[in-house]
Amino acid sequence: MIGPRSYGAAAGARGARRGCDDADVTEDGSPRGADVFGAVDVHYLGTGGARAALVAAPDALFSTVIWSKTAMAAAAAPYRPAEFWRRELPPVRAVCEGVTGLALIVVDGYVDLSPAGQPGLGAHVHAEFGVPVIGVAKTVFRTAVHAAQVCRGRSARPLFVTAIGMERSDAARLVAQMAGPYRIPDALRLADRLARGLESPTLTAATSRDGTGIGAANG
């Protein structure tokens, strides 16, 4: 079982060692072969499309953001109760495609919706990318009684944490220790602002679902 401190420290060290060669980068500007820990969020636009944001860090606690990017999905699927993942997965897929070295993805929502394993967004992200996924939900879902409750900062309102590819207890400890003094970890707060268009990503946006149009780092 991997504890939050050892997991984050070991991964951060690996990322630091692998990411030292500035010339060895992928087409999206991230270090080739380095461990990338990502936090994602999606915002739905009035035009009917969606903007997804990905915030990347070299460690599981997101102590430092190394780059961020956004991607657009032309149309969002209609909302279906308990099937929110149908709307969220296409833009999440768009923003994560082409990123190498993903070691962990943190999503705004649930991994699974019941102790029996009814799949939520995080389970589908895990199936898509094959890496551990932590779900951090801000509101309770009535059947997700298995979710670990995590209070952060001075807030008495818990976050509801689920996971796949790692122990839920380890995921809860990671979320409790993620960077930021507030209820929502800083990485997810930034992903939300990027998805809403309130901040600009450090990388140019991916403009298509198949990963084409991903640019190099700005500036």
Protein backbone atom coordinates (compact mmCIF):
# COMPACT_ATOMS: atom_id res chain seq x y z
CA MET A 1 0.00 0.00 0.00
CA ILE A 2 1.43 3.38 -1.02
CA GLY A 3 1.13 6.21 1.47
CA PRO A 4 0.61 9.76 0.24
CA ARG A 5 3.99 11.07 1.27
CA SER A 6 6.04 8.24 -0.22
CA TYR A 7 3.95 8.17 -3.42
CA GLY A 8 4.25 11.90 -4.01
CA ALA A 9 7.91 12.12 -3.04
CA ALA A 10 9.03 9.17 -5.14
CA ALA A 11 7.09 10.31 -8.17
CA GLY A 12 8.32 13.86 -7.80
CA ALA A 13 11.90 12.63 -7.67
CA ARG A 14 11.43 10.52 -10.80
CA GLY A 15 9.88 13.47 -12.60
CA ALA A 16 12.74 15.76 -11.58
CA ARG A 17 15.34 13.29 -12.83
CA ARG A 18 13.62 12.63 -16.15
CA GLY A 19 12.54 16.17 -16.89
CA CYS A 20 15.96 17.82 -16.78
CA ASP A 21 16.60 17.71 -20.55
CA ASP A 22 14.78 20.67 -22.10
CA ALA A 23 15.24 19.27 -25.61
CA ASP A 24 13.48 16.01 -24.80
CA VAL A 25 9.86 17.15 -24.90
CA THR A 26 6.68 15.97 -26.55
CA GLU A 27 4.68 17.97 -29.08
CA ASP A 28 2.54 19.40 -26.26
CA GLY A 29 5.62 20.79 -24.49
CA SER A 30 5.67 18.35 -21.56
CA PRO A 31 8.87 16.44 -20.65
CA ARG A 32 9.09 13.15 -22.55
CA GLY A 33 9.07 10.16 -20.22
CA ALA A 34 8.49 12.21 -17.07
CA ASP A 35 5.76 11.25 -14.65
CA VAL A 36 2.83 13.64 -15.08
CA PHE A 37 0.16 13.96 -12.41
CA GLY A 38 -2.92 15.62 -13.88
CA ALA A 39 -6.03 17.31 -12.51
CA VAL A 40 -8.90 17.84 -14.96
CA ASP A 41 -12.18 19.74 -15.03
CA VAL A 42 -14.83 20.52 -17.65
CA HIS A 43 -17.00 23.59 -18.21
CA TYR A 44 -20.02 23.64 -20.52
CA LEU A 45 -20.36 26.63 -22.81
CA GLY A 46 -23.51 28.45 -23.78
CA THR A 47 -22.84 27.49 -27.39
CA GLY A 48 -23.40 23.83 -26.55
CA GLY A 49 -19.75 22.80 -26.50
CA ALA A 50 -17.40 22.20 -23.61
CA ARG A 51 -13.93 23.30 -22.56
CA ALA A 52 -11.75 20.88 -20.60
CA ALA A 53 -8.64 21.86 -18.65
CA LEU A 54 -5.65 19.79 -17.54
CA VAL A 55 -3.24 20.97 -14.84
CA ALA A 56 0.03 19.01 -14.67
CA ALA A 57 2.43 18.54 -11.77
CA PRO A 58 5.56 16.43 -11.18
CA ASP A 59 4.19 14.96 -7.93
CA ALA A 60 0.93 13.57 -6.62
CA LEU A 61 0.44 16.42 -4.15
CA PHE A 62 0.51 19.02 -6.96
CA SER A 63 3.01 21.09 -5.03
CA THR A 64 4.15 22.73 -8.27
CA VAL A 65 2.22 23.21 -11.52
CA ILE A 66 4.59 22.61 -14.44
CA TRP A 67 2.12 23.33 -17.26
CA SER A 68 -1.56 23.53 -18.09
CA LYS A 69 -3.64 23.17 -21.24
CA THR A 70 -7.23 23.29 -22.43
CA ALA A 71 -9.17 21.56 -25.19
CA MET A 72 -12.55 22.14 -26.78
CA ALA A 73 -15.25 19.60 -27.52
CA ALA A 74 -17.65 20.75 -30.21
CA ALA A 75 -20.82 19.39 -28.61
CA ALA A 76 -21.74 18.06 -25.20
CA ALA A 77 -23.90 14.96 -24.81
CA PRO A 78 -27.28 15.48 -23.13
CA TYR A 79 -27.42 15.03 -19.38
CA ARG A 80 -28.63 11.64 -18.15
CA PRO A 81 -29.13 10.90 -14.44
CA ALA A 82 -26.25 8.79 -13.02
CA GLU A 83 -24.54 8.92 -16.45
CA PHE A 84 -22.80 12.27 -16.19
CA TRP A 85 -19.66 10.61 -17.54
CA ARG A 86 -21.20 10.57 -21.01
CA ARG A 87 -20.94 14.36 -21.06
CA GLU A 88 -17.58 14.62 -19.30
CA LEU A 89 -15.52 11.87 -20.92
CA PRO A 90 -15.20 13.30 -24.49
CA PRO A 91 -13.70 16.65 -23.36
CA VAL A 92 -11.50 14.90 -20.77
CA ARG A 93 -10.30 12.57 -23.52
CA ALA A 94 -9.56 15.56 -25.76
CA VAL A 95 -7.45 17.39 -23.19
CA CYS A 96 -5.50 14.28 -22.09
CA GLU A 97 -4.78 12.84 -25.53
CA GLY A 98 -1.19 13.25 -26.64
CA VAL A 99 0.12 13.63 -23.08
CA THR A 100 2.80 11.06 -22.31
CA GLY A 101 3.84 9.81 -18.91
CA LEU A 102 0.49 10.20 -17.16
CA ALA A 103 0.85 8.56 -13.74
CA LEU A 104 -2.37 9.75 -12.07
CA ILE A 105 -5.49 11.67 -13.06
CA VAL A 106 -7.65 13.55 -10.57
CA VAL A 107 -11.20 14.25 -11.73
CA ASP A 108 -13.91 16.52 -10.38
CA GLY A 109 -16.54 13.90 -9.62
CA TYR A 110 -16.85 10.25 -8.67
CA VAL A 111 -14.90 7.21 -9.80
CA ASP A 112 -17.76 4.89 -8.91
CA LEU A 113 -21.27 5.62 -7.73
CA SER A 114 -21.93 2.69 -5.38
CA PRO A 115 -20.08 0.11 -3.27
CA ALA A 116 -20.95 -2.42 -6.00
CA GLY A 117 -18.81 -0.45 -8.41
CA GLN A 118 -21.36 1.30 -10.62
CA PRO A 119 -18.96 3.21 -12.89
CA GLY A 120 -18.80 6.98 -12.78
CA LEU A 121 -16.59 9.39 -14.69
CA GLY A 122 -13.36 8.26 -13.00
CA ALA A 123 -13.90 4.60 -13.84
CA HIS A 124 -14.30 5.46 -17.51
CA VAL A 125 -11.22 7.71 -17.44
CA HIS A 126 -9.29 4.80 -15.89
CA ALA A 127 -10.50 2.46 -18.64
CA GLU A 128 -9.52 5.03 -21.27
CA PHE A 129 -6.00 5.83 -20.04
CA GLY A 130 -5.05 2.87 -17.84
CA VAL A 131 -3.69 4.92 -14.92
CA PRO A 132 -4.89 5.39 -11.33
CA VAL A 133 -7.73 7.88 -11.02
CA ILE A 134 -8.90 9.79 -7.95
CA GLY A 135 -12.39 11.25 -7.90
CA VAL A 136 -12.91 14.36 -5.79
CA ALA A 137 -16.60 15.27 -5.55
CA LYS A 138 -17.90 18.41 -3.88
CA THR A 139 -21.43 17.10 -3.29
CA VAL A 140 -22.77 13.85 -1.93
CA PHE A 141 -24.25 11.25 -4.28
CA ARG A 142 -26.90 9.23 -2.46
CA THR A 143 -25.65 5.76 -3.52
CA ALA A 144 -21.93 6.52 -3.08
CA VAL A 145 -21.92 5.59 0.59
CA HIS A 146 -18.45 4.08 0.21
CA ALA A 147 -16.77 7.42 -0.62
CA ALA A 148 -14.18 8.59 1.88
CA GLN A 149 -14.98 11.97 3.41
CA VAL A 150 -12.08 14.41 3.55
CA CYS A 151 -12.17 17.83 5.20
CA ARG A 152 -9.56 20.35 4.15
CA GLY A 153 -8.55 23.77 5.39
CA ARG A 154 -11.03 25.34 7.74
CA SER A 155 -14.06 23.93 5.99
CA ALA A 156 -16.38 21.56 7.84
CA ARG A 157 -17.88 20.45 4.50
CA PRO A 158 -16.21 17.24 3.36
CA LEU A 159 -15.03 16.28 -0.09
CA PHE A 160 -16.12 12.82 -1.24
CA VAL A 161 -13.16 10.79 -2.47
CA THR A 162 -13.26 7.63 -4.58
CA ALA A 163 -10.46 5.89 -6.46
CA ILE A 164 -9.47 3.17 -8.88
CA GLY A 165 -6.00 1.75 -9.42
CA MET A 166 -5.02 2.59 -5.85
CA GLU A 167 -6.47 2.16 -2.38
CA ARG A 168 -9.28 4.58 -1.54
CA SER A 169 -7.65 5.26 1.84
CA ASP A 170 -4.42 6.29 0.11
CA ALA A 171 -6.37 8.50 -2.28
CA ALA A 172 -8.11 10.19 0.66
CA ARG A 173 -4.77 10.90 2.36
CA LEU A 174 -3.39 12.33 -0.88
CA VAL A 175 -6.38 14.64 -1.28
CA ALA A 176 -6.06 15.77 2.34
CA GLN A 177 -2.41 16.73 1.74
CA MET A 178 -2.70 18.22 -1.76
CA ALA A 179 -1.39 21.75 -2.14
CA GLY A 180 -3.69 24.58 -1.16
CA PRO A 181 -5.19 25.98 2.05
CA TYR A 182 -8.81 25.73 0.95
CA ARG A 183 -11.48 23.04 0.79
CA ILE A 184 -10.75 22.40 -2.89
CA PRO A 185 -7.12 21.52 -3.74
CA ASP A 186 -5.35 24.25 -5.69
CA ALA A 187 -4.89 22.03 -8.76
CA LEU A 188 -8.64 21.48 -9.11
CA ARG A 189 -9.34 25.15 -8.40
CA LEU A 190 -6.98 26.12 -11.22
CA ALA A 191 -8.46 23.51 -13.56
CA ASP A 192 -11.91 24.97 -12.89
CA ARG A 193 -10.75 28.52 -13.66
CA LEU A 194 -9.02 27.39 -16.85
CA ALA A 195 -12.08 25.46 -18.00
CA ARG A 196 -14.24 28.54 -17.40
CA GLY A 197 -11.85 30.70 -19.40
CA LEU A 198 -10.94 32.84 -16.37
CA GLU A 199 -7.23 32.07 -16.78
CA SER A 200 -5.05 31.21 -19.77
CA PRO A 201 -3.20 27.87 -20.03
CA THR A 202 0.56 27.78 -20.37
CA LEU A 203 0.27 25.56 -23.46
CA THR A 204 -1.76 26.32 -26.54
CA ALA A 205 -5.08 24.52 -26.61
CA ALA A 206 -5.84 21.29 -28.38
CA THR A 207 -8.54 22.12 -30.88
CA SER A 208 -9.69 18.69 -31.92
CA ARG A 209 -10.71 15.47 -30.25
CA ASP A 210 -8.05 13.36 -31.99
CA GLY A 211 -5.16 15.34 -30.52
CA THR A 212 -4.21 17.31 -33.64
CA GLY A 213 -3.53 20.98 -33.17
CA ILE A 214 -1.72 20.56 -29.85
CA GLY A 215 0.87 23.32 -29.78
CA ALA A 216 4.11 24.00 -28.00
CA ALA A 217 4.45 26.02 -24.85
CA ASN A 218 3.59 29.66 -25.14
CA GLY A 219 6.37 32.19 -24.87
